[in-house]
C-alpha atoms as a PDB file:
ATOM      1  CA  UNK A   1     -10.111 -10.283  -0.930  1.00  0.00           C
ATOM      2  CA  UNK A   2      -6.884  -8.693   0.240  1.00  0.00           C
ATOM      3  CA  UNK A   3      -3.793  -9.360  -1.847  1.00  0.00           C
ATOM      4  CA  UNK A   4      -0.112  -8.705  -1.254  1.00  0.00           C
ATOM      5  CA  UNK A   5      -0.156  -6.307  -4.217  1.00  0.00           C
ATOM      6  CA  UNK A   6      -2.977  -4.281  -2.629  1.00  0.00           C
ATOM      7  CA  UNK A   7      -1.042  -4.109   0.607  1.00  0.00           C
ATOM      8  CA  UNK A   8       2.092  -2.955  -1.159  1.00  0.00           C
ATOM      9  CA  UNK A   9       0.353  -0.184  -3.070  1.00  0.00           C
ATOM     10  CA  UNK A  10      -2.092   0.918  -0.424  1.00  0.00           C
ATOM     11  CA  UNK A  11      -0.206   0.802   2.840  1.00  0.00           C
ATOM     12  CA  UNK A  12       2.085   3.829   2.714  1.00  0.00           C
ATOM     13  CA  UNK A  13      -0.587   6.427   3.398  1.00  0.00           C
ATOM     14  CA  UNK A  14      -2.232   4.361   6.109  1.00  0.00           C
ATOM     15  CA  UNK A  15       1.069   3.904   7.916  1.00  0.00           C
ATOM     16  CA  UNK A  16       1.496   7.668   8.102  1.00  0.00           C
ATOM     17  CA  UNK A  17      -2.023   8.077   9.454  1.00  0.00           C
ATOM     18  CA  UNK A  18      -1.536   5.212  11.872  1.00  0.00           C
ATOM     19  CA  UNK A  19       1.696   6.615  13.224  1.00  0.00           C
ATOM     20  CA  UNK A  20       0.194  10.086  13.523  1.00  0.00           C
ATOM     21  CA  UNK A  21      -2.743   8.670  15.431  1.00  0.00           C
ATOM     22  CA  UNK A  22      -0.472   6.907  17.906  1.00  0.00           C
ATOM     23  CA  UNK A  23       1.817   9.873  18.557  1.00  0.00           C
ATOM     24  CA  UNK A  24      -0.107  11.951  21.132  1.00  0.00           C
ATOM     25  CA  UNK A  25      -0.796   9.069  23.499  1.00  0.00           C
ATOM     26  CA  UNK A  26       2.692   7.600  23.016  1.00  0.00           C
ATOM     27  CA  UNK A  27       4.393  10.898  23.771  1.00  0.00           C
ATOM     28  CA  UNK A  28       2.642  11.104  27.106  1.00  0.00           C
ATOM     29  CA  UNK A  29       4.156   7.844  28.318  1.00  0.00           C
ATOM     30  CA  UNK A  30       7.616   7.500  29.806  1.00  0.00           C
ATOM     31  CA  UNK A  31      10.103   5.351  27.947  1.00  0.00           C
ATOM     32  CA  UNK A  32      11.309   1.978  29.185  1.00  0.00           C
ATOM     33  CA  UNK A  33      14.691   1.636  30.812  1.00  0.00           C
ATOM     34  CA  UNK A  34      15.582  -1.489  28.810  1.00  0.00           C
ATOM     35  CA  UNK A  35      13.942  -3.446  26.009  1.00  0.00           C
ATOM     36  CA  UNK A  36      15.115  -6.546  24.211  1.00  0.00           C
ATOM     37  CA  UNK A  37      14.516  -7.546  20.597  1.00  0.00           C
ATOM     38  CA  UNK A  38      14.943 -11.255  19.928  1.00  0.00           C
ATOM     39  CA  UNK A  39      15.800 -12.775  16.547  1.00  0.00           C
ATOM     40  CA  UNK A  40      15.814 -16.486  15.857  1.00  0.00           C
ATOM     41  CA  UNK A  41      18.884 -16.875  13.698  1.00  0.00           C
ATOM     42  CA  UNK A  42      22.659 -16.653  13.844  1.00  0.00           C
ATOM     43  CA  UNK A  43      24.072 -13.149  13.316  1.00  0.00           C
ATOM     44  CA  UNK A  44      23.223 -11.870   9.844  1.00  0.00           C
ATOM     45  CA  UNK A  45      20.388 -10.036   8.142  1.00  0.00           C
ATOM     46  CA  UNK A  46      17.718 -10.229  10.899  1.00  0.00           C
ATOM     47  CA  UNK A  47      19.827  -8.832  13.717  1.00  0.00           C
ATOM     48  CA  UNK A  48      21.467  -6.271  11.399  1.00  0.00           C
ATOM     49  CA  UNK A  49      18.053  -4.873  10.420  1.00  0.00           C
ATOM     50  CA  UNK A  50      16.788  -5.031  14.005  1.00  0.00           C
ATOM     51  CA  UNK A  51      19.856  -3.121  15.187  1.00  0.00           C
ATOM     52  CA  UNK A  52      19.390  -0.384  12.587  1.00  0.00           C
ATOM     53  CA  UNK A  53      15.802   0.155  13.679  1.00  0.00           C
ATOM     54  CA  UNK A  54      16.504  -0.137  17.407  1.00  0.00           C
ATOM     55  CA  UNK A  55      19.197   2.524  17.184  1.00  0.00           C
ATOM     56  CA  UNK A  56      16.476   4.979  16.131  1.00  0.00           C
ATOM     57  CA  UNK A  57      14.039   3.987  18.899  1.00  0.00           C
ATOM     58  CA  UNK A  58      15.610   5.782  21.858  1.00  0.00           C
ATOM     59  CA  UNK A  59      12.233   7.377  22.515  1.00  0.00           C
ATOM     60  CA  UNK A  60      10.857   3.899  23.282  1.00  0.00           C
ATOM     61  CA  UNK A  61      13.600   2.638  25.595  1.00  0.00           C
ATOM     62  CA  UNK A  62      16.829   4.073  26.931  1.00  0.00           C
ATOM     63  CA  UNK A  63      18.597   0.841  26.013  1.00  0.00           C
ATOM     64  CA  UNK A  64      17.503  -1.721  23.411  1.00  0.00           C
ATOM     65  CA  UNK A  65      19.470  -4.953  23.310  1.00  0.00           C
ATOM     66  CA  UNK A  66      19.416  -7.212  20.246  1.00  0.00           C
ATOM     67  CA  UNK A  67      19.591 -10.898  21.176  1.00  0.00           C
ATOM     68  CA  UNK A  68      20.113 -13.731  18.706  1.00  0.00           C
ATOM     69  CA  UNK A  69      18.443 -16.947  19.866  1.00  0.00           C
ATOM     70  CA  UNK A  70      19.156 -19.350  16.985  1.00  0.00           C
ATOM     71  CA  UNK A  71      17.660 -22.804  16.795  1.00  0.00           C
ATOM     72  CA  UNK A  72      14.784 -24.827  15.372  1.00  0.00           C
ATOM     73  CA  UNK A  73      14.393 -22.582  12.315  1.00  0.00           C
ATOM     74  CA  UNK A  74      13.766 -19.563  14.504  1.00  0.00           C
ATOM     75  CA  UNK A  75      11.319 -21.218  16.874  1.00  0.00           C
ATOM     76  CA  UNK A  76      13.570 -20.910  19.937  1.00  0.00           C
ATOM     77  CA  UNK A  77      13.209 -17.127  19.863  1.00  0.00           C
ATOM     78  CA  UNK A  78       9.490 -17.378  19.123  1.00  0.00           C
ATOM     79  CA  UNK A  79       8.916 -19.583  22.157  1.00  0.00           C
ATOM     80  CA  UNK A  80      10.990 -17.273  24.362  1.00  0.00           C
ATOM     81  CA  UNK A  81       8.854 -14.271  23.438  1.00  0.00           C
ATOM     82  CA  UNK A  82       5.656 -16.239  23.969  1.00  0.00           C
ATOM     83  CA  UNK A  83       6.763 -16.936  27.561  1.00  0.00           C
ATOM     84  CA  UNK A  84       7.975 -13.382  28.242  1.00  0.00           C
ATOM     85  CA  UNK A  85       6.258 -10.727  30.330  1.00  0.00           C
ATOM     86  CA  UNK A  86       3.630  -8.910  28.283  1.00  0.00           C
ATOM     87  CA  UNK A  87       4.851  -5.438  29.180  1.00  0.00           C
ATOM     88  CA  UNK A  88       6.365  -4.295  25.877  1.00  0.00           C
ATOM     89  CA  UNK A  89       9.941  -4.925  26.980  1.00  0.00           C
ATOM     90  CA  UNK A  90      10.437  -8.211  25.073  1.00  0.00           C
ATOM     91  CA  UNK A  91       9.933  -7.994  21.308  1.00  0.00           C
ATOM     92  CA  UNK A  92      10.253 -10.548  18.534  1.00  0.00           C
ATOM     93  CA  UNK A  93      11.668  -9.587  15.137  1.00  0.00           C
ATOM     94  CA  UNK A  94      11.020 -12.422  12.714  1.00  0.00           C
ATOM     95  CA  UNK A  95       9.913 -13.434   9.231  1.00  0.00           C
ATOM     96  CA  UNK A  96       6.168 -13.909   9.091  1.00  0.00           C
ATOM     97  CA  UNK A  97       6.531 -17.596   8.279  1.00  0.00           C
ATOM     98  CA  UNK A  98       6.461 -18.639  11.934  1.00  0.00           C
ATOM     99  CA  UNK A  99       2.762 -17.743  11.820  1.00  0.00           C
ATOM    100  CA  UNK A 100       1.886 -18.143   8.139  1.00  0.00           C
ATOM    101  CA  UNK A 101       3.920 -21.233   7.137  1.00  0.00           C
ATOM    102  CA  UNK A 102       5.165 -23.181  10.156  1.00  0.00           C
ATOM    103  CA  UNK A 103       1.698 -24.333  11.320  1.00  0.00           C
ATOM    104  CA  UNK A 104       1.343 -26.113   7.971  1.00  0.00           C
ATOM    105  CA  UNK A 105       4.779 -27.785   7.788  1.00  0.00           C
ATOM    106  CA  UNK A 106       5.404 -28.896  11.385  1.00  0.00           C
ATOM    107  CA  UNK A 107       3.344 -31.564  13.136  1.00  0.00           C
ATOM    108  CA  UNK A 108       3.609 -29.856  16.484  1.00  0.00           C
ATOM    109  CA  UNK A 109       4.515 -26.348  17.593  1.00  0.00           C
ATOM    110  CA  UNK A 110       4.937 -25.066  21.125  1.00  0.00           C
ATOM    111  CA  UNK A 111       2.957 -21.964  20.324  1.00  0.00           C
ATOM    112  CA  UNK A 112      -0.184 -20.820  18.534  1.00  0.00           C
ATOM    113  CA  UNK A 113      -0.445 -17.780  16.224  1.00  0.00           C
ATOM    114  CA  UNK A 114      -2.816 -16.209  18.747  1.00  0.00           C
ATOM    115  CA  UNK A 115      -0.005 -16.210  21.330  1.00  0.00           C
ATOM    116  CA  UNK A 116       1.337 -13.053  19.673  1.00  0.00           C
ATOM    117  CA  UNK A 117       0.185  -9.556  18.836  1.00  0.00           C
ATOM    118  CA  UNK A 118       1.502  -8.263  15.500  1.00  0.00           C
ATOM    119  CA  UNK A 119       2.909  -4.752  15.891  1.00  0.00           C
ATOM    120  CA  UNK A 120       4.368  -3.701  12.548  1.00  0.00           C
ATOM    121  CA  UNK A 121       6.010  -5.029   9.446  1.00  0.00           C
ATOM    122  CA  UNK A 122       9.405  -3.485   8.779  1.00  0.00           C
ATOM    123  CA  UNK A 123      11.183  -4.767   5.670  1.00  0.00           C
ATOM    124  CA  UNK A 124      10.662  -7.188   2.837  1.00  0.00           C
ATOM    125  CA  UNK A 125      12.657  -8.732   0.029  1.00  0.00           C
ATOM    126  CA  UNK A 126      11.992 -10.817  -3.023  1.00  0.00           C
ATOM    127  CA  UNK A 127      13.551 -14.096  -4.078  1.00  0.00           C
ATOM    128  CA  UNK A 128      15.529 -14.744  -7.225  1.00  0.00           C
ATOM    129  CA  UNK A 129      15.955 -17.884  -9.286  1.00  0.00           C
ATOM    130  CA  UNK A 130      19.566 -18.095 -10.437  1.00  0.00           C
ATOM    131  CA  UNK A 131      21.399 -20.590 -12.628  1.00  0.00           C
ATOM    132  CA  UNK A 132      25.080 -21.356 -12.999  1.00  0.00           C
ATOM    133  CA  UNK A 133      27.498 -23.147 -15.326  1.00  0.00           C
ATOM    134  CA  UNK A 134      25.595 -26.445 -15.220  1.00  0.00           C
ATOM    135  CA  UNK A 135      22.918 -24.806 -17.385  1.00  0.00           C
ATOM    136  CA  UNK A 136      23.972 -23.964 -20.979  1.00  0.00           C
ATOM    137  CA  UNK A 137      24.768 -20.296 -21.494  1.00  0.00           C
ATOM    138  CA  UNK A 138      22.099 -20.119 -24.191  1.00  0.00           C
ATOM    139  CA  UNK A 139      19.442 -20.417 -21.463  1.00  0.00           C
ATOM    140  CA  UNK A 140      18.884 -16.737 -20.748  1.00  0.00           C
ATOM    141  CA  UNK A 141      15.229 -16.751 -19.688  1.00  0.00           C
ATOM    142  CA  UNK A 142      13.017 -18.764 -17.378  1.00  0.00           C
ATOM    143  CA  UNK A 143      11.300 -20.277 -20.414  1.00  0.00           C
ATOM    144  CA  UNK A 144      14.697 -21.387 -21.747  1.00  0.00           C
ATOM    145  CA  UNK A 145      15.581 -22.962 -18.427  1.00  0.00           C
ATOM    146  CA  UNK A 146      12.263 -24.813 -18.199  1.00  0.00           C
ATOM    147  CA  UNK A 147      12.744 -26.157 -21.721  1.00  0.00           C
ATOM    148  CA  UNK A 148      16.265 -27.327 -20.836  1.00  0.00           C
ATOM    149  CA  UNK A 149      14.969 -28.892 -17.599  1.00  0.00           C
ATOM    150  CA  UNK A 150      12.333 -30.905 -19.420  1.00  0.00           C
ATOM    151  CA  UNK A 151      15.027 -32.467 -21.566  1.00  0.00           C
ATOM    152  CA  UNK A 152      17.487 -32.939 -18.687  1.00  0.00           C
ATOM    153  CA  UNK A 153      15.363 -34.124 -15.811  1.00  0.00           C
ATOM    154  CA  UNK A 154      18.297 -35.755 -13.975  1.00  0.00           C
ATOM    155  CA  UNK A 155      20.090 -32.412 -13.849  1.00  0.00           C
ATOM    156  CA  UNK A 156      17.162 -30.057 -13.177  1.00  0.00           C
ATOM    157  CA  UNK A 157      18.000 -29.327  -9.557  1.00  0.00           C
ATOM    158  CA  UNK A 158      17.491 -26.342  -7.278  1.00  0.00           C
ATOM    159  CA  UNK A 159      19.005 -25.496  -3.933  1.00  0.00           C
ATOM    160  CA  UNK A 160      17.358 -23.634  -1.058  1.00  0.00           C
ATOM    161  CA  UNK A 161      18.118 -22.999   2.627  1.00  0.00           C
ATOM    162  CA  UNK A 162      16.104 -26.048   3.666  1.00  0.00           C
ATOM    163  CA  UNK A 163      13.139 -28.412   3.485  1.00  0.00           C
ATOM    164  CA  UNK A 164       9.788 -26.857   4.309  1.00  0.00           C
ATOM    165  CA  UNK A 165      10.929 -23.285   3.659  1.00  0.00           C
ATOM    166  CA  UNK A 166       8.967 -20.901   1.471  1.00  0.00           C
ATOM    167  CA  UNK A 167      11.758 -21.099  -1.129  1.00  0.00           C
ATOM    168  CA  UNK A 168      11.426 -24.884  -1.231  1.00  0.00           C
ATOM    169  CA  UNK A 169       7.735 -24.514  -2.022  1.00  0.00           C
ATOM    170  CA  UNK A 170       8.296 -21.849  -4.685  1.00  0.00           C
ATOM    171  CA  UNK A 171      10.495 -24.322  -6.561  1.00  0.00           C
ATOM    172  CA  UNK A 172       8.056 -27.171  -6.040  1.00  0.00           C
ATOM    173  CA  UNK A 173       5.194 -25.078  -7.390  1.00  0.00           C
ATOM    174  CA  UNK A 174       7.256 -23.918 -10.373  1.00  0.00           C
ATOM    175  CA  UNK A 175       7.973 -27.516 -11.348  1.00  0.00           C
ATOM    176  CA  UNK A 176       4.360 -28.511 -10.828  1.00  0.00           C
ATOM    177  CA  UNK A 177       2.920 -25.514 -12.700  1.00  0.00           C
ATOM    178  CA  UNK A 178       5.363 -25.625 -15.614  1.00  0.00           C
ATOM    179  CA  UNK A 179       5.210 -29.395 -15.939  1.00  0.00           C
ATOM    180  CA  UNK A 180       8.769 -30.533 -15.294  1.00  0.00           C
ATOM    181  CA  UNK A 181      10.569 -32.496 -12.611  1.00  0.00           C
ATOM    182  CA  UNK A 182      12.428 -30.014 -10.425  1.00  0.00           C
ATOM    183  CA  UNK A 183      14.539 -31.801  -7.831  1.00  0.00           C
ATOM    184  CA  UNK A 184      14.981 -30.016  -4.518  1.00  0.00           C
ATOM    185  CA  UNK A 185      18.391 -30.042  -2.820  1.00  0.00           C
ATOM    186  CA  UNK A 186      18.264 -28.525   0.688  1.00  0.00           C
ATOM    187  CA  UNK A 187      21.293 -26.781   2.203  1.00  0.00           C
ATOM    188  CA  UNK A 188      22.367 -24.886   5.275  1.00  0.00           C
ATOM    189  CA  UNK A 189      24.096 -21.538   5.182  1.00  0.00           C
ATOM    190  CA  UNK A 190      25.601 -20.538   1.823  1.00  0.00           C
ATOM    191  CA  UNK A 191      25.924 -24.089   0.552  1.00  0.00           C
ATOM    192  CA  UNK A 192      23.425 -23.690  -2.268  1.00  0.00           C
ATOM    193  CA  UNK A 193      25.085 -20.632  -3.787  1.00  0.00           C
ATOM    194  CA  UNK A 194      28.498 -22.305  -3.669  1.00  0.00           C
ATOM    195  CA  UNK A 195      27.244 -25.440  -5.409  1.00  0.00           C
ATOM    196  CA  UNK A 196      25.514 -23.432  -8.136  1.00  0.00           C
ATOM    197  CA  UNK A 197      28.802 -21.636  -8.783  1.00  0.00           C
ATOM    198  CA  UNK A 198      30.668 -24.959  -8.968  1.00  0.00           C
ATOM    199  CA  UNK A 199      28.077 -26.527 -11.265  1.00  0.00           C
ATOM    200  CA  UNK A 200      27.082 -29.163  -8.742  1.00  0.00           C
ATOM    201  CA  UNK A 201      23.434 -28.100  -9.005  1.00  0.00           C
ATOM    202  CA  UNK A 202      21.671 -26.324 -11.847  1.00  0.00           C
ATOM    203  CA  UNK A 203      19.939 -23.540  -9.971  1.00  0.00           C
ATOM    204  CA  UNK A 204      19.097 -21.987  -6.641  1.00  0.00           C
ATOM    205  CA  UNK A 205      16.111 -20.107  -5.246  1.00  0.00           C
ATOM    206  CA  UNK A 206      17.411 -17.618  -2.713  1.00  0.00           C
ATOM    207  CA  UNK A 207      16.861 -14.114  -1.318  1.00  0.00           C
ATOM    208  CA  UNK A 208      18.015 -11.550  -3.866  1.00  0.00           C
ATOM    209  CA  UNK A 209      20.693 -10.226  -1.549  1.00  0.00           C
ATOM    210  CA  UNK A 210      22.397 -13.632  -1.438  1.00  0.00           C
ATOM    211  CA  UNK A 211      23.245 -13.627  -5.112  1.00  0.00           C
ATOM    212  CA  UNK A 212      22.958 -10.070  -6.443  1.00  0.00           C
ATOM    213  CA  UNK A 213      26.726  -9.437  -6.505  1.00  0.00           C
ATOM    214  CA  UNK A 214      27.335 -12.709  -8.362  1.00  0.00           C
ATOM    215  CA  UNK A 215      24.609 -11.870 -10.879  1.00  0.00           C
ATOM    216  CA  UNK A 216      25.985  -8.387 -11.417  1.00  0.00           C
ATOM    217  CA  UNK A 217      29.480  -9.840 -11.980  1.00  0.00           C
ATOM    218  CA  UNK A 218      28.157 -12.346 -14.521  1.00  0.00           C
ATOM    219  CA  UNK A 219      29.086 -15.432 -12.508  1.00  0.00           C
ATOM    220  CA  UNK A 220      25.423 -16.371 -12.169  1.00  0.00           C
ATOM    221  CA  UNK A 221      22.352 -15.614 -14.279  1.00  0.00           C
ATOM    222  CA  UNK A 222      19.126 -14.455 -12.628  1.00  0.00           C
ATOM    223  CA  UNK A 223      16.102 -15.617 -14.596  1.00  0.00           C
ATOM    224  CA  UNK A 224      13.273 -14.192 -12.480  1.00  0.00           C
ATOM    225  CA  UNK A 225      12.496 -12.458  -9.203  1.00  0.00           C
ATOM    226  CA  UNK A 226       9.369 -13.070  -7.160  1.00  0.00           C
ATOM    227  CA  UNK A 227       8.384  -9.534  -6.142  1.00  0.00           C
ATOM    228  CA  UNK A 228       5.319  -7.682  -7.454  1.00  0.00           C
ATOM    229  CA  UNK A 229       7.625  -5.362  -9.400  1.00  0.00           C
ATOM    230  CA  UNK A 230      11.161  -5.570 -10.736  1.00  0.00           C
ATOM    231  CA  UNK A 231      13.834  -5.303  -8.104  1.00  0.00           C
ATOM    232  CA  UNK A 232      15.874  -2.088  -8.157  1.00  0.00           C
ATOM    233  CA  UNK A 233      18.875  -4.337  -7.499  1.00  0.00           C
ATOM    234  CA  UNK A 234      18.245  -6.296 -10.714  1.00  0.00           C
ATOM    235  CA  UNK A 235      16.114  -4.024 -12.906  1.00  0.00           C
ATOM    236  CA  UNK A 236      16.778  -6.026 -16.083  1.00  0.00           C
ATOM    237  CA  UNK A 237      15.485  -9.267 -14.583  1.00  0.00           C
ATOM    238  CA  UNK A 238      11.770  -9.927 -15.164  1.00  0.00           C
ATOM    239  CA  UNK A 239       9.395 -10.729 -12.340  1.00  0.00           C
ATOM    240  CA  UNK A 240       8.016 -14.223 -12.029  1.00  0.00           C
ATOM    241  CA  UNK A 241       4.650 -12.831 -13.171  1.00  0.00           C
ATOM    242  CA  UNK A 242       6.236 -11.318 -16.283  1.00  0.00           C
ATOM    243  CA  UNK A 243       7.792 -14.715 -16.945  1.00  0.00           C
ATOM    244  CA  UNK A 244       4.320 -16.270 -16.978  1.00  0.00           C
ATOM    245  CA  UNK A 245       3.825 -17.530 -13.409  1.00  0.00           C
ATOM    246  CA  UNK A 246       1.934 -14.870 -11.425  1.00  0.00           C
ATOM    247  CA  UNK A 247       0.785 -17.366  -8.775  1.00  0.00           C
ATOM    248  CA  UNK A 248       4.406 -17.679  -7.637  1.00  0.00           C
ATOM    249  CA  UNK A 249       4.740 -14.005  -6.710  1.00  0.00           C
ATOM    250  CA  UNK A 250       6.122 -13.815  -3.206  1.00  0.00           C
ATOM    251  CA  UNK A 251       7.869 -11.561  -0.709  1.00  0.00           C
ATOM    252  CA  UNK A 252       9.576 -12.442   2.535  1.00  0.00           C
ATOM    253  CA  UNK A 253       8.374  -9.968   5.157  1.00  0.00           C
ATOM    254  CA  UNK A 254       9.970  -9.307   8.537  1.00  0.00           C
ATOM    255  CA  UNK A 255       7.915  -7.853  11.345  1.00  0.00           C
ATOM    256  CA  UNK A 256       7.741  -7.077  15.058  1.00  0.00           C
ATOM    257  CA  UNK A 257       5.586  -9.046  17.512  1.00  0.00           C
ATOM    258  CA  UNK A 258       4.929  -8.978  21.249  1.00  0.00           C
ATOM    259  CA  UNK A 259       3.210 -11.451  23.604  1.00  0.00           C
ATOM    260  CA  UNK A 260      -0.536 -11.578  23.076  1.00  0.00           C
ATOM    261  CA  UNK A 261      -1.519 -10.059  26.424  1.00  0.00           C
ATOM    262  CA  UNK A 262       0.528  -6.896  25.923  1.00  0.00           C
ATOM    263  CA  UNK A 263      -1.784  -3.934  26.692  1.00  0.00           C
ATOM    264  CA  UNK A 264      -3.019  -2.084  23.595  1.00  0.00           C
ATOM    265  CA  UNK A 265      -1.501   1.234  24.688  1.00  0.00           C
ATOM    266  CA  UNK A 266       1.943  -0.383  24.893  1.00  0.00           C
ATOM    267  CA  UNK A 267       1.464  -1.962  21.459  1.00  0.00           C
ATOM    268  CA  UNK A 268       0.488   1.429  20.032  1.00  0.00           C
ATOM    269  CA  UNK A 269       3.492   3.090  21.619  1.00  0.00           C
ATOM    270  CA  UNK A 270       5.861   0.473  20.183  1.00  0.00           C
ATOM    271  CA  UNK A 271       4.223   0.728  16.755  1.00  0.00           C
ATOM    272  CA  UNK A 272       4.667   4.491  16.787  1.00  0.00           C
ATOM    273  CA  UNK A 273       8.352   4.200  17.713  1.00  0.00           C
ATOM    274  CA  UNK A 274       8.953   1.669  14.928  1.00  0.00           C
ATOM    275  CA  UNK A 275       7.216   3.840  12.326  1.00  0.00           C
ATOM    276  CA  UNK A 276       9.305   6.853  13.292  1.00  0.00           C
ATOM    277  CA  UNK A 277      12.495   4.802  13.096  1.00  0.00           C
ATOM    278  CA  UNK A 278      11.621   3.476   9.641  1.00  0.00           C
ATOM    279  CA  UNK A 279      11.262   7.025   8.334  1.00  0.00           C
ATOM    280  CA  UNK A 280      14.772   8.062   9.378  1.00  0.00           C
ATOM    281  CA  UNK A 281      17.532   8.418   6.804  1.00  0.00           C
ATOM    282  CA  UNK A 282      19.780   6.208   8.925  1.00  0.00           C
ATOM    283  CA  UNK A 283      17.399   3.267   8.600  1.00  0.00           C
ATOM    284  CA  UNK A 284      16.573   3.935   4.947  1.00  0.00           C
ATOM    285  CA  UNK A 285      20.209   4.001   3.886  1.00  0.00           C
ATOM    286  CA  UNK A 286      21.146   1.128   6.176  1.00  0.00           C
ATOM    287  CA  UNK A 287      18.572  -1.346   4.911  1.00  0.00           C
ATOM    288  CA  UNK A 288      19.374  -0.441   1.292  1.00  0.00           C
ATOM    289  CA  UNK A 289      22.938  -1.613   1.926  1.00  0.00           C
ATOM    290  CA  UNK A 290      21.501  -4.917   3.159  1.00  0.00           C
ATOM    291  CA  UNK A 291      19.545  -5.435  -0.104  1.00  0.00           C
ATOM    292  CA  UNK A 292      16.121  -5.202   1.547  1.00  0.00           C
ATOM    293  CA  UNK A 293      13.358  -2.621   1.288  1.00  0.00           C
ATOM    294  CA  UNK A 294      11.441  -0.790   3.992  1.00  0.00           C
ATOM    295  CA  UNK A 295       7.924  -2.170   3.853  1.00  0.00           C
ATOM    296  CA  UNK A 296       5.752  -0.955   6.735  1.00  0.00           C
ATOM    297  CA  UNK A 297       1.994  -1.372   6.747  1.00  0.00           C
ATOM    298  CA  UNK A 298      -0.638  -0.297   9.242  1.00  0.00           C
ATOM    299  CA  UNK A 299      -1.418  -2.570  12.182  1.00  0.00           C
ATOM    300  CA  UNK A 300      -4.865  -3.636  10.942  1.00  0.00           C
ATOM    301  CA  UNK A 301      -3.473  -4.455   7.504  1.00  0.00           C
ATOM    302  CA  UNK A 302      -0.689  -6.454   9.148  1.00  0.00           C
ATOM    303  CA  UNK A 303      -3.299  -8.680  10.776  1.00  0.00           C
ATOM    304  CA  UNK A 304      -5.078  -9.122   7.456  1.00  0.00           C
ATOM    305  CA  UNK A 305      -1.788  -9.909   5.730  1.00  0.00           C
ATOM    306  CA  UNK A 306      -1.009 -12.672   8.228  1.00  0.00           C
ATOM    307  CA  UNK A 307      -4.415 -14.262   7.692  1.00  0.00           C
ATOM    308  CA  UNK A 308      -4.155 -14.013   3.910  1.00  0.00           C
ATOM    309  CA  UNK A 309      -0.627 -15.428   3.795  1.00  0.00           C
ATOM    310  CA  UNK A 310      -1.484 -18.281   6.148  1.00  0.00           C
ATOM    311  CA  UNK A 311      -4.360 -19.301   3.899  1.00  0.00           C
ATOM    312  CA  UNK A 312      -2.154 -19.087   0.815  1.00  0.00           C
ATOM    313  CA  UNK A 313       0.683 -21.174   2.271  1.00  0.00           C
ATOM    314  CA  UNK A 314      -1.717 -23.778   3.598  1.00  0.00           C
ATOM    315  CA  UNK A 315      -3.045 -24.292   0.063  1.00  0.00           C
ATOM    316  CA  UNK A 316       0.481 -24.453  -1.402  1.00  0.00           C
ATOM    317  CA  UNK A 317       1.680 -27.001   1.151  1.00  0.00           C
ATOM    318  CA  UNK A 318      -1.365 -29.167   0.506  1.00  0.00           C
ATOM    319  CA  UNK A 319      -0.969 -28.878  -3.270  1.00  0.00           C
ATOM    320  CA  UNK A 320       2.614 -30.106  -3.121  1.00  0.00           C
ATOM    321  CA  UNK A 321       1.585 -33.051  -0.918  1.00  0.00           C
ATOM    322  CA  UNK A 322       4.269 -32.118   1.596  1.00  0.00           C
ATOM    323  CA  UNK A 323       4.318 -34.302   4.700  1.00  0.00           C
ATOM    324  CA  UNK A 324       4.622 -32.214   7.885  1.00  0.00           C
ATOM    325  CA  UNK A 325       7.731 -32.916   9.939  1.00  0.00           C
ATOM    326  CA  UNK A 326       8.468 -32.957  13.653  1.00  0.00           C
END
């Protein structure tokens, strides 16, 4: 069975081969006049990454416009791409959760996973569990924090960007697996990180980039990260597997998608342009400044990853007895 670890370790060579295989046919096709890449969130990480990549895709289109279509946890942009012409000119850049998680946490969606063709992953990042002044300074490890939480159940809280997010479920599964009551406090924006700093909540589970500067300054303590290996941003912080909870290993992946009926030759041409962009120094240095890592896998492995992740999140949602929302 495919695992995220296998994909991480085995995809680099296949991406090179995949891109090389696409190149001859792609080169023979004329570029588009204009293409649009849609993201589903307010300006921030998604559009910044999309812009970095698009700037290196001039061989695909003379002009590539990045559009933010925030709303409904990213679903507004997803629905717009579903309804777009399938000619390769309208592209979605989104976290994989709209396919792998949303079908399990929302009662109804205005799209189906099969409404889209996956083109390429682009970047990924791990999550970190951080604690602030509400937790005694003696708690320096995840085991210490869990022990403290068991004796302080009223104060064992964690903040995330919202109910039904992958970070919400990571916390729920940690509490369930470790045997303590871990109370979820959902936020919008940077609310969680601010309340951890003020001691209003004990901890937060957030993308590494949201808290790395505060951890490095000593204002917060990172107890674990969820990637398959230690983050280069926080090399002294153990992974969640090293801390004893390998089932909670997780990455947030961002990828490119087009409408399902997009012709295969156009999908191949777009894939090739993305792969070339990801290999440029401009993109490599740019994403590093955004605290994410380039993480491109071959198209067939992307499809397998989506299926594997969807199955995994379905099981997690069911295990936590989460009630799907509207």
